[in-house]
Protein backbone atom coordinates (compact mmCIF):
# COMPACT_ATOMS: atom_id res chain seq x y z
CA MET A 1 -73.07 86.11 60.05
CA SER A 2 -74.55 82.68 59.32
CA SER A 3 -77.47 84.25 57.51
CA LEU A 4 -75.04 85.95 55.15
CA ILE A 5 -73.46 82.67 54.17
CA LYS A 6 -75.63 80.81 51.74
CA SER A 7 -73.19 78.08 50.80
CA PRO A 8 -70.89 77.17 53.73
CA LYS A 9 -68.68 74.84 51.62
CA ASP A 10 -67.85 77.56 48.98
CA PHE A 11 -67.46 80.34 51.68
CA TRP A 12 -65.02 78.42 53.79
CA THR A 13 -63.18 77.12 50.78
CA GLY A 14 -62.71 80.77 49.76
CA VAL A 15 -61.44 81.68 53.19
CA LEU A 16 -58.86 78.82 53.04
CA TYR A 17 -57.79 79.70 49.45
CA PHE A 18 -57.51 83.32 50.31
CA GLY A 19 -55.69 82.60 53.56
CA PHE A 20 -53.13 80.35 52.07
CA GLY A 21 -52.54 82.72 49.16
CA ALA A 22 -52.07 85.66 51.42
CA ILE A 23 -49.55 83.73 53.57
CA ALA A 24 -47.69 82.70 50.45
CA PHE A 25 -47.78 86.18 49.12
CA TRP A 26 -46.43 87.55 52.41
CA ILE A 27 -43.61 84.97 52.44
CA ALA A 28 -42.59 85.86 48.88
CA ARG A 29 -42.65 89.62 49.33
CA ASP A 30 -38.87 89.90 49.88
CA TYR A 31 -37.88 87.60 46.95
CA ALA A 32 -36.74 89.14 43.66
CA PHE A 33 -39.68 89.26 41.27
CA GLY A 34 -37.96 89.61 37.89
CA THR A 35 -39.87 89.62 34.69
CA ALA A 36 -41.80 86.98 32.67
CA SER A 37 -38.69 86.28 30.51
CA ARG A 38 -36.27 86.37 33.31
CA MET A 39 -38.11 85.19 36.42
CA GLY A 40 -36.69 85.88 39.80
CA ALA A 41 -37.15 83.65 42.86
CA GLY A 42 -40.34 85.41 43.82
CA TYR A 43 -42.12 85.41 40.45
CA PHE A 44 -43.69 81.98 40.64
CA PRO A 45 -44.83 82.07 44.27
CA THR A 46 -46.22 85.62 43.82
CA VAL A 47 -48.14 84.85 40.67
CA LEU A 48 -49.43 81.46 42.13
CA SER A 49 -50.42 83.07 45.40
CA GLY A 50 -52.18 85.92 43.58
CA LEU A 51 -54.16 83.35 41.56
CA LEU A 52 -55.06 81.52 44.73
CA MET A 53 -56.29 84.66 46.40
CA PHE A 54 -58.32 85.45 43.29
CA PHE A 55 -60.00 81.99 43.27
CA GLY A 56 -60.57 82.45 47.02
CA VAL A 57 -62.46 85.75 46.39
CA LEU A 58 -64.56 84.05 43.75
CA ALA A 59 -65.43 81.19 46.07
CA LEU A 60 -66.29 83.69 48.96
CA LEU A 61 -68.54 85.54 46.62
CA ARG A 62 -70.18 82.47 45.48
CA GLY A 63 -70.58 81.40 49.18
CA VAL A 64 -72.56 84.52 49.94
CA THR A 65 -74.54 84.82 46.64
CA GLN A 66 -75.63 81.28 45.74
CA ARG A 67 -77.24 78.46 47.70
CA GLY A 68 -75.07 75.49 48.24
CA ALA A 69 -74.75 72.36 50.18
CA PRO A 70 -73.86 72.36 53.91
CA PHE A 71 -70.81 70.71 55.36
CA GLY A 72 -70.73 66.97 55.58
CA ALA A 73 -68.70 64.96 58.05
CA PHE A 74 -64.96 65.36 57.91
CA ALA A 75 -63.05 62.37 56.63
CA PHE A 76 -60.35 62.12 59.19
CA LYS A 77 -58.91 58.76 58.01
CA PRO A 78 -58.41 59.77 54.37
CA ALA A 79 -56.93 63.11 55.41
CA LEU A 80 -54.46 61.39 57.79
CA ILE A 81 -53.54 58.85 54.97
CA ILE A 82 -52.93 61.60 52.37
CA THR A 83 -50.87 63.69 54.88
CA ALA A 84 -48.81 60.64 55.84
CA SER A 85 -48.15 59.91 52.19
CA THR A 86 -47.02 63.36 51.53
CA LEU A 87 -44.72 63.38 54.58
CA ALA A 88 -43.36 59.99 53.50
CA PHE A 89 -42.55 61.37 50.13
CA GLY A 90 -40.58 64.28 51.68
CA LEU A 91 -38.68 61.97 54.06
CA LEU A 92 -37.95 59.33 51.37
CA LEU A 93 -36.86 61.68 48.66
CA THR A 94 -33.20 61.86 49.52
CA ARG A 95 -32.97 58.40 50.98
CA ALA A 96 -34.90 56.34 48.49
CA GLY A 97 -34.94 58.66 45.46
CA LEU A 98 -37.59 60.27 43.32
CA ILE A 99 -38.99 57.08 41.82
CA ILE A 100 -39.57 55.20 45.10
CA SER A 101 -40.89 58.34 46.79
CA LEU A 102 -43.45 58.91 43.99
CA VAL A 103 -44.61 55.32 44.22
CA VAL A 104 -45.19 55.77 47.90
CA LEU A 105 -46.99 59.09 47.34
CA ILE A 106 -49.16 57.90 44.51
CA PHE A 107 -50.30 54.56 45.89
CA GLY A 108 -50.40 55.79 49.48
CA SER A 109 -52.69 58.76 48.55
CA ALA A 110 -54.79 56.55 46.25
CA SER A 111 -55.39 54.05 49.07
CA ALA A 112 -57.18 56.86 51.02
CA SER A 113 -60.18 56.41 48.71
CA ALA A 114 -62.98 53.98 49.63
CA LYS A 115 -63.04 52.98 45.97
CA PHE A 116 -59.36 52.11 45.71
CA ARG A 117 -58.50 48.81 44.10
CA PHE A 118 -55.26 47.74 42.63
CA GLU A 119 -55.75 47.65 38.79
CA TRP A 120 -53.17 47.39 36.06
CA ARG A 121 -54.49 50.31 34.09
CA ALA A 122 -54.14 52.57 37.18
CA THR A 123 -50.65 51.14 37.71
CA LEU A 124 -49.62 52.04 34.10
CA LEU A 125 -50.98 55.51 34.58
CA ALA A 126 -48.90 55.74 37.83
CA LEU A 127 -45.84 54.57 36.05
CA GLY A 128 -46.52 57.12 33.27
CA LEU A 129 -46.86 59.89 35.88
CA ILE A 130 -43.57 58.87 37.48
CA ALA A 131 -41.84 58.84 34.08
CA PHE A 132 -43.31 62.29 33.31
CA CYS A 133 -42.06 63.67 36.69
CA VAL A 134 -38.53 62.29 35.98
CA LEU A 135 -38.47 63.83 32.63
CA VAL A 136 -39.76 67.25 33.74
CA PHE A 137 -38.08 67.68 37.03
CA ILE A 138 -34.74 65.96 36.64
CA LYS A 139 -34.11 66.07 32.93
CA GLY A 140 -36.08 69.22 31.90
CA LEU A 141 -35.57 71.41 34.91
CA GLY A 142 -32.36 69.81 36.15
CA LEU A 143 -33.39 69.70 39.72
CA PRO A 144 -30.80 67.96 41.90
CA MET A 145 -33.02 65.01 43.00
CA PRO A 146 -31.65 61.52 42.79
CA LEU A 147 -33.52 58.93 40.92
CA PHE A 148 -32.50 56.40 43.44
CA GLY A 149 -31.25 57.80 46.78
CA SER A 150 -28.61 56.99 49.37
CA TRP A 151 -30.11 53.62 50.25
CA PHE A 152 -29.26 52.43 46.77
CA GLY A 153 -25.75 53.77 46.67
CA GLU A 154 -26.39 57.12 44.74
């Protein structure tokens, strides 16, 4: 099988994309689909998982048709930092609120990079991202997420 795979990175990326897409598609199979103008609970996960499987197939095909780079070493420390930042976001969301959770997520994930330095331009972009998330998710979509959580009396 290894002689069939010309680009291991693309091939295994395709396997992961297709696998996650198939799992999401299977989970969403019992949700009401609806229409584009009146979306049901299953519309978004089904469409998104279908796109993920499509990109997975494209990456798989690229992995068996085009030469590519072999795998490098896996970066355990950055992967652990990003995973911890994501978990901290989920745990802090109701307790500290959306704003504090996003600060932890953004700066925690950014610190996983070897090139990370605290710069004011990046901080302004992070603040813009937080403002955008507040506007989209709380004001625009009306999701019941506190700006500041139970730790701050909300």
